[in-house]
Amino acid sequence: MPDQRPTLPGHPGELPLLDRSEVGGRLRQVRKARQLTLKQLSALSGVPVSTLSKMELAQVSVSYEKLAAAARALEVDIAQLFRPSGAVSAPGPATVVVDSLPDAAGYSTGTYDYHPIAGGFPGRRMTPAYARIIARERGQFDDFIRHPGQEFAVVLNGRVRIEFETGEAVSIGPQETAYFDSQVGHIYLSESEDGGDAHVMVVMTDR
């Protein structure tokens, strides 16, 4: 996990990053509340038992793809995994949810830092997130990232290259956007000048 926490472009404050033990503990808590074994959760999510075990024990940082798969199998919004421990409950009725990005808890995979937003909205059909793109080379990933649905990204600061398992790639800068099928393997790479990170807003949907 990077030593330096991400900051929003133009914002002096740091964005909070959860320790992976907090996320792992929350995953275990939700699984236990659903009365599922690791083997059962593995069968439902497609994530290997060994990986789920390492996630819960904070022995490994995992991609959004695997956390999202586990959350879907547990029938819980992924944002629940980024909340303090406590009873698992559905959000109450709401017309609008307003969040502050500097207060949005996040998680580091080593290649990205990402911060789910608007987790308090009941029955969300989209998963918006702020992300800092750290990786600069394909070799920093074990594999391309794949998850159901579609994905939209807009660059806030820096420059991003999105590479696909098909061999396609796009390079986008500030105020430029990309929309794609997230079932196709993809990765984000920073192309920002001077070796810096890139900052993006991403919206994902399972549909």
N, C-alpha and C. Protein backbone atom coordinates (compact mmCIF):
# COMPACT_ATOMS: atom_id res chain seq x y z
N MET A 1 0.85 -1.19 0.00
CA MET A 1 0.00 0.00 0.00
C MET A 1 0.89 1.24 0.00
N PRO A 2 0.57 2.24 -0.86
CA PRO A 2 1.41 3.42 -0.91
C PRO A 2 1.45 4.13 0.43
N ASP A 3 2.60 4.76 0.73
CA ASP A 3 2.73 5.48 1.99
C ASP A 3 1.97 6.80 1.96
N GLN A 4 1.90 7.41 0.76
CA GLN A 4 1.27 8.72 0.66
C GLN A 4 -0.19 8.58 0.29
N ARG A 5 -1.04 9.17 1.07
CA ARG A 5 -2.46 9.09 0.77
C ARG A 5 -2.81 10.07 -0.35
N PRO A 6 -3.84 9.73 -1.16
CA PRO A 6 -4.18 10.57 -2.30
C PRO A 6 -4.83 11.87 -1.87
N THR A 7 -4.65 12.90 -2.67
CA THR A 7 -5.34 14.16 -2.45
C THR A 7 -6.08 14.52 -3.72
N LEU A 8 -7.21 15.18 -3.55
CA LEU A 8 -7.95 15.64 -4.71
C LEU A 8 -7.21 16.79 -5.37
N PRO A 9 -7.22 16.84 -6.71
CA PRO A 9 -6.59 17.98 -7.38
C PRO A 9 -7.17 19.29 -6.88
N GLY A 10 -6.32 20.19 -6.46
CA GLY A 10 -6.78 21.49 -5.99
C GLY A 10 -7.32 21.48 -4.57
N HIS A 11 -7.21 20.34 -3.89
CA HIS A 11 -7.72 20.23 -2.52
C HIS A 11 -6.57 19.86 -1.60
N PRO A 12 -6.35 20.62 -0.51
CA PRO A 12 -5.20 20.37 0.35
C PRO A 12 -5.34 19.15 1.24
N GLY A 13 -6.56 18.66 1.46
CA GLY A 13 -6.76 17.58 2.41
C GLY A 13 -6.45 16.21 1.82
N GLU A 14 -6.21 15.24 2.71
CA GLU A 14 -5.97 13.87 2.28
C GLU A 14 -7.27 13.10 2.26
N LEU A 15 -7.38 12.15 1.33
CA LEU A 15 -8.53 11.27 1.30
C LEU A 15 -8.22 10.05 2.15
N PRO A 16 -9.17 9.64 2.98
CA PRO A 16 -8.91 8.52 3.90
C PRO A 16 -8.84 7.19 3.16
N LEU A 17 -7.82 6.39 3.50
CA LEU A 17 -7.69 5.04 2.97
C LEU A 17 -7.86 4.05 4.11
N LEU A 18 -8.73 3.08 3.94
CA LEU A 18 -8.92 2.05 4.94
C LEU A 18 -7.77 1.06 4.88
N ASP A 19 -7.35 0.59 6.03
CA ASP A 19 -6.39 -0.51 6.07
C ASP A 19 -7.10 -1.75 5.55
N ARG A 20 -6.35 -2.61 4.83
CA ARG A 20 -7.00 -3.79 4.26
C ARG A 20 -7.57 -4.72 5.33
N SER A 21 -7.05 -4.61 6.56
CA SER A 21 -7.61 -5.43 7.64
C SER A 21 -9.03 -4.98 7.98
N GLU A 22 -9.30 -3.68 7.83
CA GLU A 22 -10.65 -3.18 8.08
C GLU A 22 -11.63 -3.71 7.04
N VAL A 23 -11.19 -3.69 5.77
CA VAL A 23 -12.05 -4.19 4.69
C VAL A 23 -12.23 -5.69 4.83
N GLY A 24 -11.15 -6.41 5.15
CA GLY A 24 -11.24 -7.86 5.33
C GLY A 24 -12.15 -8.24 6.48
N GLY A 25 -12.04 -7.49 7.57
CA GLY A 25 -12.90 -7.75 8.73
C GLY A 25 -14.36 -7.50 8.41
N ARG A 26 -14.61 -6.46 7.65
CA ARG A 26 -16.00 -6.15 7.26
C ARG A 26 -16.54 -7.24 6.33
N LEU A 27 -15.71 -7.72 5.41
CA LEU A 27 -16.14 -8.80 4.51
C LEU A 27 -16.51 -10.04 5.31
N ARG A 28 -15.68 -10.38 6.29
CA ARG A 28 -15.95 -11.54 7.13
C ARG A 28 -17.25 -11.36 7.92
N GLN A 29 -17.44 -10.14 8.45
CA GLN A 29 -18.64 -9.85 9.23
C GLN A 29 -19.90 -10.03 8.39
N VAL A 30 -19.87 -9.50 7.17
CA VAL A 30 -21.05 -9.61 6.30
C VAL A 30 -21.28 -11.07 5.90
N ARG A 31 -20.20 -11.79 5.60
CA ARG A 31 -20.34 -13.22 5.23
C ARG A 31 -20.96 -14.01 6.39
N LYS A 32 -20.48 -13.76 7.60
CA LYS A 32 -21.02 -14.47 8.77
C LYS A 32 -22.50 -14.12 8.98
N ALA A 33 -22.82 -12.83 8.76
CA ALA A 33 -24.22 -12.42 8.91
C ALA A 33 -25.12 -13.12 7.91
N ARG A 34 -24.58 -13.45 6.74
CA ARG A 34 -25.34 -14.16 5.71
C ARG A 34 -25.28 -15.68 5.91
N GLN A 35 -24.54 -16.10 6.95
CA GLN A 35 -24.42 -17.53 7.30
C GLN A 35 -23.87 -18.35 6.14
N LEU A 36 -22.80 -17.83 5.55
CA LEU A 36 -22.15 -18.51 4.44
C LEU A 36 -20.73 -18.91 4.84
N THR A 37 -20.31 -20.07 4.38
CA THR A 37 -18.91 -20.48 4.56
C THR A 37 -18.09 -19.88 3.44
N LEU A 38 -16.78 -19.92 3.59
CA LEU A 38 -15.91 -19.43 2.52
C LEU A 38 -16.14 -20.21 1.24
N LYS A 39 -16.34 -21.51 1.38
CA LYS A 39 -16.57 -22.36 0.21
C LYS A 39 -17.86 -21.97 -0.50
N GLN A 40 -18.90 -21.69 0.26
CA GLN A 40 -20.17 -21.28 -0.33
C GLN A 40 -20.05 -19.93 -1.03
N LEU A 41 -19.35 -19.00 -0.37
CA LEU A 41 -19.16 -17.68 -0.97
C LEU A 41 -18.33 -17.78 -2.24
N SER A 42 -17.36 -18.66 -2.23
CA SER A 42 -16.53 -18.88 -3.42
C SER A 42 -17.38 -19.38 -4.58
N ALA A 43 -18.27 -20.33 -4.30
CA ALA A 43 -19.13 -20.88 -5.34
C ALA A 43 -20.06 -19.81 -5.92
N LEU A 44 -20.53 -18.91 -5.07
CA LEU A 44 -21.45 -17.87 -5.50
C LEU A 44 -20.75 -16.74 -6.25
N SER A 45 -19.53 -16.43 -5.83
CA SER A 45 -18.83 -15.26 -6.37
C SER A 45 -17.85 -15.58 -7.49
N GLY A 46 -17.36 -16.83 -7.51
CA GLY A 46 -16.33 -17.17 -8.50
C GLY A 46 -14.93 -16.80 -8.04
N VAL A 47 -14.81 -16.28 -6.82
CA VAL A 47 -13.50 -15.94 -6.26
C VAL A 47 -12.98 -17.16 -5.50
N PRO A 48 -11.75 -17.62 -5.76
CA PRO A 48 -11.23 -18.82 -5.09
C PRO A 48 -11.28 -18.71 -3.57
N VAL A 49 -11.50 -19.84 -2.91
CA VAL A 49 -11.55 -19.89 -1.45
C VAL A 49 -10.27 -19.30 -0.85
N SER A 50 -9.13 -19.67 -1.42
CA SER A 50 -7.85 -19.19 -0.88
C SER A 50 -7.75 -17.67 -0.95
N THR A 51 -8.27 -17.09 -2.02
CA THR A 51 -8.24 -15.63 -2.16
C THR A 51 -9.17 -14.97 -1.17
N LEU A 52 -10.39 -15.52 -1.00
CA LEU A 52 -11.33 -14.98 -0.03
C LEU A 52 -10.76 -15.03 1.38
N SER A 53 -10.10 -16.13 1.69
CA SER A 53 -9.50 -16.28 3.01
C SER A 53 -8.42 -15.22 3.23
N LYS A 54 -7.58 -15.01 2.22
CA LYS A 54 -6.52 -14.00 2.32
C LYS A 54 -7.10 -12.60 2.41
N MET A 55 -8.22 -12.36 1.72
CA MET A 55 -8.88 -11.07 1.80
C MET A 55 -9.36 -10.81 3.22
N GLU A 56 -10.00 -11.80 3.84
CA GLU A 56 -10.53 -11.63 5.19
C GLU A 56 -9.42 -11.48 6.22
N LEU A 57 -8.31 -12.14 5.99
CA LEU A 57 -7.19 -12.08 6.93
C LEU A 57 -6.22 -10.95 6.63
N ALA A 58 -6.57 -10.12 5.64
CA ALA A 58 -5.75 -8.97 5.26
C ALA A 58 -4.35 -9.38 4.83
N GLN A 59 -4.25 -10.51 4.17
CA GLN A 59 -2.95 -11.00 3.71
C GLN A 59 -2.65 -10.56 2.29
N VAL A 60 -3.64 -9.93 1.64
CA VAL A 60 -3.45 -9.51 0.26
C VAL A 60 -4.39 -8.35 -0.05
N SER A 61 -3.92 -7.42 -0.88
CA SER A 61 -4.79 -6.38 -1.41
C SER A 61 -5.38 -6.90 -2.71
N VAL A 62 -6.68 -6.74 -2.90
CA VAL A 62 -7.33 -7.31 -4.08
C VAL A 62 -7.97 -6.21 -4.92
N SER A 63 -8.25 -6.57 -6.15
CA SER A 63 -8.82 -5.62 -7.09
C SER A 63 -10.29 -5.34 -6.80
N TYR A 64 -10.80 -4.27 -7.39
CA TYR A 64 -12.22 -3.95 -7.31
C TYR A 64 -13.04 -5.12 -7.81
N GLU A 65 -12.55 -5.76 -8.86
CA GLU A 65 -13.26 -6.89 -9.48
C GLU A 65 -13.62 -7.96 -8.45
N LYS A 66 -12.66 -8.35 -7.62
CA LYS A 66 -12.91 -9.43 -6.66
C LYS A 66 -13.78 -8.96 -5.49
N LEU A 67 -13.54 -7.75 -5.02
CA LEU A 67 -14.39 -7.23 -3.95
C LEU A 67 -15.83 -7.08 -4.43
N ALA A 68 -16.01 -6.59 -5.65
CA ALA A 68 -17.35 -6.42 -6.19
C ALA A 68 -18.04 -7.77 -6.37
N ALA A 69 -17.29 -8.77 -6.81
CA ALA A 69 -17.87 -10.11 -6.99
C ALA A 69 -18.34 -10.67 -5.65
N ALA A 70 -17.53 -10.49 -4.62
CA ALA A 70 -17.91 -10.96 -3.29
C ALA A 70 -19.14 -10.21 -2.78
N ALA A 71 -19.18 -8.89 -3.01
CA ALA A 71 -20.32 -8.09 -2.56
C ALA A 71 -21.60 -8.52 -3.27
N ARG A 72 -21.51 -8.77 -4.57
CA ARG A 72 -22.70 -9.22 -5.32
C ARG A 72 -23.21 -10.55 -4.77
N ALA A 73 -22.28 -11.46 -4.51
CA ALA A 73 -22.67 -12.77 -3.99
C ALA A 73 -23.31 -12.65 -2.61
N LEU A 74 -22.87 -11.67 -1.84
CA LEU A 74 -23.42 -11.45 -0.50
C LEU A 74 -24.69 -10.60 -0.53
N GLU A 75 -25.05 -10.15 -1.74
CA GLU A 75 -26.24 -9.30 -1.94
C GLU A 75 -26.16 -8.04 -1.09
N VAL A 76 -25.00 -7.41 -1.15
CA VAL A 76 -24.77 -6.19 -0.40
C VAL A 76 -24.04 -5.21 -1.30
N ASP A 77 -24.33 -3.94 -1.14
CA ASP A 77 -23.63 -2.91 -1.90
C ASP A 77 -22.17 -2.91 -1.51
N ILE A 78 -21.27 -2.79 -2.48
CA ILE A 78 -19.83 -2.82 -2.18
C ILE A 78 -19.46 -1.73 -1.17
N ALA A 79 -20.21 -0.64 -1.16
CA ALA A 79 -19.91 0.43 -0.20
C ALA A 79 -20.03 -0.03 1.24
N GLN A 80 -20.83 -1.09 1.48
CA GLN A 80 -20.96 -1.63 2.84
C GLN A 80 -19.62 -2.14 3.36
N LEU A 81 -18.75 -2.58 2.45
CA LEU A 81 -17.45 -3.10 2.86
C LEU A 81 -16.48 -2.00 3.26
N PHE A 82 -16.88 -0.75 3.03
CA PHE A 82 -16.03 0.38 3.37
C PHE A 82 -16.58 1.17 4.55
N ARG A 83 -17.56 0.59 5.23
CA ARG A 83 -18.15 1.26 6.38
C ARG A 83 -17.62 0.67 7.67
N PRO A 84 -17.70 1.43 8.78
CA PRO A 84 -17.28 0.90 10.08
C PRO A 84 -18.07 -0.34 10.43
N SER A 85 -17.50 -1.20 11.26
CA SER A 85 -18.19 -2.41 11.69
C SER A 85 -19.47 -2.06 12.43
N GLY A 86 -20.45 -2.93 12.28
CA GLY A 86 -21.74 -2.71 12.91
C GLY A 86 -22.76 -3.58 12.22
N ALA A 87 -23.98 -3.47 12.63
CA ALA A 87 -25.03 -4.28 12.04
C ALA A 87 -25.18 -3.97 10.56
N VAL A 88 -25.37 -5.00 9.75
CA VAL A 88 -25.58 -4.82 8.32
C VAL A 88 -27.06 -4.53 8.09
N SER A 89 -27.34 -3.39 7.54
CA SER A 89 -28.74 -3.03 7.33
C SER A 89 -28.88 -2.28 6.01
N ALA A 90 -30.05 -2.36 5.43
CA ALA A 90 -30.30 -1.66 4.18
C ALA A 90 -30.46 -0.17 4.46
N PRO A 91 -29.98 0.70 3.54
CA PRO A 91 -30.17 2.14 3.73
C PRO A 91 -31.64 2.49 3.76
N GLY A 92 -31.98 3.52 4.52
CA GLY A 92 -33.37 3.95 4.60
C GLY A 92 -33.77 4.71 3.35
N PRO A 93 -35.07 5.05 3.23
CA PRO A 93 -35.56 5.79 2.06
C PRO A 93 -34.80 7.11 1.90
N ALA A 94 -34.53 7.47 0.65
CA ALA A 94 -33.83 8.72 0.40
C ALA A 94 -34.17 9.22 -0.99
N THR A 95 -34.28 10.53 -1.12
CA THR A 95 -34.49 11.15 -2.42
C THR A 95 -33.15 11.52 -3.04
N VAL A 96 -32.26 11.98 -2.20
CA VAL A 96 -30.93 12.37 -2.67
C VAL A 96 -29.92 12.12 -1.57
N VAL A 97 -28.72 11.73 -1.94
CA VAL A 97 -27.62 11.55 -1.00
C VAL A 97 -26.48 12.47 -1.42
N VAL A 98 -26.02 13.28 -0.50
CA VAL A 98 -24.91 14.19 -0.77
C VAL A 98 -23.70 13.73 0.01
N ASP A 99 -22.58 13.56 -0.67
CA ASP A 99 -21.34 13.14 -0.03
C ASP A 99 -20.24 14.16 -0.27
N SER A 100 -19.22 14.09 0.57
CA SER A 100 -18.03 14.92 0.40
C SER A 100 -16.87 14.02 0.02
N LEU A 101 -16.25 14.25 -1.11
CA LEU A 101 -15.16 13.38 -1.55
C LEU A 101 -14.03 13.26 -0.54
N PRO A 102 -13.62 14.36 0.10
CA PRO A 102 -12.53 14.22 1.07
C PRO A 102 -12.87 13.32 2.26
N ASP A 103 -14.17 13.02 2.46
CA ASP A 103 -14.57 12.16 3.57
C ASP A 103 -14.83 10.71 3.12
N ALA A 104 -14.72 10.45 1.82
CA ALA A 104 -15.06 9.12 1.30
C ALA A 104 -13.92 8.13 1.57
N ALA A 105 -14.20 7.12 2.40
CA ALA A 105 -13.19 6.12 2.71
C ALA A 105 -12.85 5.31 1.46
N GLY A 106 -11.59 4.98 1.30
CA GLY A 106 -11.15 4.26 0.11
C GLY A 106 -10.28 3.07 0.43
N TYR A 107 -9.82 2.44 -0.65
CA TYR A 107 -9.04 1.21 -0.55
C TYR A 107 -7.95 1.25 -1.61
N SER A 108 -6.77 0.79 -1.26
CA SER A 108 -5.66 0.79 -2.20
C SER A 108 -5.36 -0.62 -2.67
N THR A 109 -5.23 -0.79 -3.98
CA THR A 109 -4.83 -2.07 -4.54
C THR A 109 -3.35 -2.09 -4.92
N GLY A 110 -2.69 -0.95 -4.77
CA GLY A 110 -1.30 -0.83 -5.20
C GLY A 110 -1.19 -0.26 -6.60
N THR A 111 -2.21 -0.50 -7.42
CA THR A 111 -2.25 0.08 -8.76
C THR A 111 -3.24 1.24 -8.82
N TYR A 112 -4.30 1.17 -8.02
CA TYR A 112 -5.28 2.23 -7.90
C TYR A 112 -5.56 2.47 -6.41
N ASP A 113 -6.02 3.68 -6.10
CA ASP A 113 -6.74 3.96 -4.86
C ASP A 113 -8.15 4.32 -5.30
N TYR A 114 -9.16 3.67 -4.76
CA TYR A 114 -10.51 4.04 -5.17
C TYR A 114 -11.42 4.23 -3.97
N HIS A 115 -12.37 5.15 -4.14
CA HIS A 115 -13.24 5.59 -3.05
C HIS A 115 -14.69 5.56 -3.52
N PRO A 116 -15.47 4.52 -3.16
CA PRO A 116 -16.88 4.47 -3.53
C PRO A 116 -17.64 5.67 -2.96
N ILE A 117 -18.60 6.15 -3.72
CA ILE A 117 -19.36 7.34 -3.36
C ILE A 117 -20.85 7.01 -3.35
N ALA A 118 -21.60 7.73 -2.53
CA ALA A 118 -23.07 7.63 -2.47
C ALA A 118 -23.54 6.24 -2.05
N GLY A 119 -22.78 5.59 -1.17
CA GLY A 119 -23.19 4.27 -0.70
C GLY A 119 -24.45 4.28 0.14
N GLY A 120 -24.87 5.46 0.60
CA GLY A 120 -26.06 5.54 1.42
C GLY A 120 -27.36 5.58 0.64
N PHE A 121 -27.26 5.60 -0.70
CA PHE A 121 -28.49 5.63 -1.49
C PHE A 121 -29.06 4.22 -1.59
N PRO A 122 -30.34 4.03 -1.25
CA PRO A 122 -30.92 2.68 -1.24
C PRO A 122 -31.09 2.12 -2.65
N GLY A 123 -30.75 0.84 -2.81
CA GLY A 123 -30.97 0.16 -4.08
C GLY A 123 -30.22 0.79 -5.23
N ARG A 124 -28.98 1.17 -5.01
CA ARG A 124 -28.22 1.83 -6.08
C ARG A 124 -28.15 0.94 -7.33
N ARG A 125 -28.25 1.56 -8.49
CA ARG A 125 -28.08 0.84 -9.75
C ARG A 125 -26.77 1.21 -10.43
N MET A 126 -26.08 2.17 -9.83
CA MET A 126 -24.78 2.58 -10.33
C MET A 126 -23.81 2.61 -9.16
N THR A 127 -22.53 2.43 -9.44
CA THR A 127 -21.50 2.53 -8.41
C THR A 127 -20.50 3.61 -8.84
N PRO A 128 -20.69 4.83 -8.35
CA PRO A 128 -19.72 5.89 -8.66
C PRO A 128 -18.52 5.80 -7.72
N ALA A 129 -17.37 6.18 -8.21
CA ALA A 129 -16.16 6.14 -7.39
C ALA A 129 -15.16 7.16 -7.89
N TYR A 130 -14.42 7.72 -6.95
CA TYR A 130 -13.26 8.55 -7.29
C TYR A 130 -12.04 7.63 -7.24
N ALA A 131 -11.15 7.75 -8.21
CA ALA A 131 -9.97 6.88 -8.24
C ALA A 131 -8.71 7.66 -8.56
N ARG A 132 -7.64 7.28 -7.88
CA ARG A 132 -6.30 7.79 -8.21
C ARG A 132 -5.59 6.65 -8.92
N ILE A 133 -5.13 6.89 -10.14
CA ILE A 133 -4.47 5.87 -10.93
C ILE A 133 -2.96 5.97 -10.69
N ILE A 134 -2.41 4.93 -10.10
CA ILE A 134 -0.99 4.91 -9.73
C ILE A 134 -0.16 4.17 -10.76
N ALA A 135 -0.69 3.05 -11.25
CA ALA A 135 0.07 2.18 -12.16
C ALA A 135 0.43 2.91 -13.46
N ARG A 136 1.60 2.56 -13.99
CA ARG A 136 2.05 3.17 -15.24
C ARG A 136 2.43 2.11 -16.29
N GLU A 137 2.46 0.84 -15.88
CA GLU A 137 2.87 -0.21 -16.81
C GLU A 137 1.94 -1.41 -16.69
N ARG A 138 1.71 -2.09 -17.82
CA ARG A 138 0.87 -3.28 -17.87
C ARG A 138 1.37 -4.35 -16.90
N GLY A 139 2.67 -4.47 -16.76
CA GLY A 139 3.26 -5.50 -15.91
C GLY A 139 2.95 -5.36 -14.44
N GLN A 140 2.38 -4.23 -14.03
CA GLN A 140 2.02 -4.04 -12.62
C GLN A 140 0.73 -4.76 -12.26
N PHE A 141 0.04 -5.31 -13.26
CA PHE A 141 -1.21 -6.05 -13.05
C PHE A 141 -0.99 -7.53 -13.29
N ASP A 142 -1.63 -8.36 -12.48
CA ASP A 142 -1.58 -9.80 -12.70
C ASP A 142 -2.40 -10.19 -13.93
N ASP A 143 -3.48 -9.45 -14.16
CA ASP A 143 -4.37 -9.75 -15.27
C ASP A 143 -5.23 -8.52 -15.54
N PHE A 144 -5.96 -8.53 -16.64
CA PHE A 144 -6.92 -7.48 -16.90
C PHE A 144 -8.08 -7.61 -15.91
N ILE A 145 -8.76 -6.50 -15.66
CA ILE A 145 -9.88 -6.46 -14.73
C ILE A 145 -11.18 -6.60 -15.52
N ARG A 146 -12.06 -7.45 -15.03
CA ARG A 146 -13.34 -7.69 -15.69
C ARG A 146 -14.45 -7.72 -14.64
N HIS A 147 -15.56 -7.11 -14.93
CA HIS A 147 -16.73 -7.21 -14.06
C HIS A 147 -17.98 -6.93 -14.89
N PRO A 148 -19.14 -7.44 -14.47
CA PRO A 148 -20.36 -7.28 -15.26
C PRO A 148 -20.72 -5.82 -15.48
N GLY A 149 -21.38 -5.54 -16.61
CA GLY A 149 -21.94 -4.23 -16.83
C GLY A 149 -21.12 -3.33 -17.73
N GLN A 150 -21.29 -2.04 -17.49
CA GLN A 150 -20.63 -1.01 -18.29
C GLN A 150 -19.94 -0.01 -17.37
N GLU A 151 -19.04 0.77 -17.95
CA GLU A 151 -18.23 1.68 -17.14
C GLU A 151 -18.05 3.01 -17.87
N PHE A 152 -18.12 4.08 -17.11
CA PHE A 152 -17.91 5.42 -17.65
C PHE A 152 -16.83 6.10 -16.82
N ALA A 153 -15.89 6.76 -17.47
CA ALA A 153 -14.81 7.44 -16.76
C ALA A 153 -14.61 8.83 -17.33
N VAL A 154 -14.36 9.79 -16.44
CA VAL A 154 -13.99 11.14 -16.85
C VAL A 154 -12.73 11.53 -16.10
N VAL A 155 -11.75 12.05 -16.81
CA VAL A 155 -10.47 12.42 -16.21
C VAL A 155 -10.60 13.79 -15.55
N LEU A 156 -10.23 13.86 -14.28
CA LEU A 156 -10.24 15.12 -13.55
C LEU A 156 -8.91 15.84 -13.66
N ASN A 157 -7.84 15.04 -13.62
CA ASN A 157 -6.50 15.62 -13.60
C ASN A 157 -5.51 14.59 -14.13
N GLY A 158 -4.52 15.04 -14.90
CA GLY A 158 -3.53 14.12 -15.45
C GLY A 158 -4.00 13.51 -16.75
N ARG A 159 -3.40 12.39 -17.11
CA ARG A 159 -3.76 11.69 -18.34
C ARG A 159 -3.81 10.19 -18.08
N VAL A 160 -4.82 9.53 -18.67
CA VAL A 160 -5.06 8.12 -18.44
C VAL A 160 -5.06 7.35 -19.76
N ARG A 161 -4.43 6.19 -19.74
CA ARG A 161 -4.51 5.26 -20.86
C ARG A 161 -5.30 4.04 -20.38
N ILE A 162 -6.37 3.71 -21.11
CA ILE A 162 -7.17 2.53 -20.78
C ILE A 162 -6.85 1.47 -21.83
N GLU A 163 -6.28 0.36 -21.38
CA GLU A 163 -5.92 -0.73 -22.28
C GLU A 163 -6.90 -1.89 -22.10
N PHE A 164 -7.24 -2.54 -23.21
CA PHE A 164 -8.20 -3.63 -23.21
C PHE A 164 -7.53 -4.93 -23.66
N GLU A 165 -8.09 -6.05 -23.20
CA GLU A 165 -7.53 -7.34 -23.55
C GLU A 165 -7.65 -7.64 -25.04
N THR A 166 -8.47 -6.87 -25.74
CA THR A 166 -8.63 -7.02 -27.19
C THR A 166 -7.45 -6.43 -27.96
N GLY A 167 -6.59 -5.67 -27.26
CA GLY A 167 -5.49 -4.98 -27.92
C GLY A 167 -5.80 -3.51 -28.16
N GLU A 168 -7.06 -3.13 -27.98
CA GLU A 168 -7.43 -1.71 -28.14
C GLU A 168 -6.92 -0.90 -26.94
N ALA A 169 -6.78 0.39 -27.15
CA ALA A 169 -6.37 1.30 -26.07
C ALA A 169 -6.82 2.71 -26.42
N VAL A 170 -7.16 3.48 -25.39
CA VAL A 170 -7.50 4.89 -25.58
C VAL A 170 -6.71 5.70 -24.56
N SER A 171 -6.37 6.91 -24.94
CA SER A 171 -5.67 7.82 -24.05
C SER A 171 -6.51 9.08 -23.92
N ILE A 172 -6.89 9.42 -22.67
CA ILE A 172 -7.76 10.57 -22.45
C ILE A 172 -7.17 11.50 -21.39
N GLY A 173 -7.42 12.78 -21.57
CA GLY A 173 -6.92 13.80 -20.65
C GLY A 173 -8.06 14.51 -19.95
N PRO A 174 -7.76 15.60 -19.23
CA PRO A 174 -8.76 16.30 -18.44
C PRO A 174 -10.00 16.66 -19.26
N GLN A 175 -11.17 16.40 -18.67
CA GLN A 175 -12.48 16.67 -19.23
C GLN A 175 -12.82 15.77 -20.42
N GLU A 176 -11.98 14.77 -20.69
CA GLU A 176 -12.31 13.78 -21.71
C GLU A 176 -12.86 12.54 -21.02
N THR A 177 -13.70 11.79 -21.74
CA THR A 177 -14.40 10.67 -21.15
C THR A 177 -14.25 9.40 -21.98
N ALA A 178 -14.53 8.28 -21.35
CA ALA A 178 -14.57 6.98 -22.03
C ALA A 178 -15.74 6.18 -21.47
N TYR A 179 -16.41 5.45 -22.32
CA TYR A 179 -17.54 4.61 -21.93
C TYR A 179 -17.33 3.26 -22.60
N PHE A 180 -17.37 2.17 -21.81
CA PHE A 180 -17.05 0.88 -22.40
C PHE A 180 -17.73 -0.27 -21.65
N ASP A 181 -17.67 -1.44 -22.28
CA ASP A 181 -18.20 -2.68 -21.72
C ASP A 181 -17.18 -3.21 -20.72
N SER A 182 -17.53 -3.19 -19.43
CA SER A 182 -16.54 -3.57 -18.41
C SER A 182 -16.37 -5.07 -18.28
N GLN A 183 -17.15 -5.86 -19.04
CA GLN A 183 -16.91 -7.29 -19.08
C GLN A 183 -15.68 -7.62 -19.92
N VAL A 184 -15.28 -6.68 -20.78
CA VAL A 184 -14.04 -6.82 -21.54
C VAL A 184 -12.89 -6.44 -20.63
N GLY A 185 -11.89 -7.30 -20.51
CA GLY A 185 -10.77 -7.02 -19.61
C GLY A 185 -10.14 -5.68 -19.90
N HIS A 186 -9.85 -4.92 -18.83
CA HIS A 186 -9.32 -3.57 -19.01
C HIS A 186 -8.44 -3.19 -17.82
N ILE A 187 -7.57 -2.24 -18.03
CA ILE A 187 -6.77 -1.66 -16.96
C ILE A 187 -6.60 -0.16 -17.24
N TYR A 188 -6.42 0.59 -16.16
CA TYR A 188 -6.13 2.02 -16.27
C TYR A 188 -4.64 2.23 -15.96
N LEU A 189 -3.99 3.04 -16.77
CA LEU A 189 -2.59 3.40 -16.54
C LEU A 189 -2.46 4.92 -16.55
N SER A 190 -1.64 5.45 -15.66
CA SER A 190 -1.38 6.89 -15.66
C SER A 190 -0.35 7.23 -16.72
N GLU A 191 -0.66 8.22 -17.52
CA GLU A 191 0.29 8.78 -18.48
C GLU A 191 0.61 10.23 -18.13
N SER A 192 0.34 10.59 -16.89
CA SER A 192 0.58 11.97 -16.46
C SER A 192 2.05 12.33 -16.53
N GLU A 193 2.32 13.57 -16.77
CA GLU A 193 3.70 14.04 -16.90
C GLU A 193 4.46 13.91 -15.59
N ASP A 194 5.78 13.82 -15.74
CA ASP A 194 6.69 13.77 -14.58
C ASP A 194 6.41 12.59 -13.66
N GLY A 195 5.85 11.50 -14.21
CA GLY A 195 5.63 10.31 -13.41
C GLY A 195 4.53 10.43 -12.38
N GLY A 196 3.67 11.44 -12.54
CA GLY A 196 2.61 11.66 -11.55
C GLY A 196 1.42 10.74 -11.74
N ASP A 197 0.52 10.76 -10.76
CA ASP A 197 -0.70 9.97 -10.81
C ASP A 197 -1.77 10.70 -11.62
N ALA A 198 -2.80 9.98 -11.98
CA ALA A 198 -3.95 10.57 -12.65
C ALA A 198 -5.17 10.41 -11.74
N HIS A 199 -6.15 11.29 -11.90
CA HIS A 199 -7.34 11.28 -11.06
C HIS A 199 -8.58 11.21 -11.94
N VAL A 200 -9.45 10.26 -11.65
CA VAL A 200 -10.64 10.07 -12.48
C VAL A 200 -11.87 9.86 -11.61
N MET A 201 -13.02 10.16 -12.20
CA MET A 201 -14.30 9.76 -11.63
C MET A 201 -14.83 8.64 -12.51
N VAL A 202 -15.26 7.56 -11.89
CA VAL A 202 -15.73 6.39 -12.63
C VAL A 202 -17.14 6.05 -12.14
N VAL A 203 -18.00 5.66 -13.06
CA VAL A 203 -19.33 5.18 -12.72
C VAL A 203 -19.49 3.80 -13.34
N MET A 204 -19.81 2.81 -12.51
CA MET A 204 -19.97 1.43 -12.97
C MET A 204 -21.39 0.96 -12.73
N THR A 205 -21.87 0.10 -13.60
CA THR A 205 -23.21 -0.47 -13.44
C THR A 205 -23.16 -1.94 -13.82
N ASP A 206 -23.95 -2.75 -13.11
CA ASP A 206 -24.02 -4.18 -13.41
C ASP A 206 -24.89 -4.47 -14.63
N ARG A 207 -25.63 -3.48 -15.07
CA ARG A 207 -26.56 -3.69 -16.17
C ARG A 207 -25.84 -3.65 -17.51
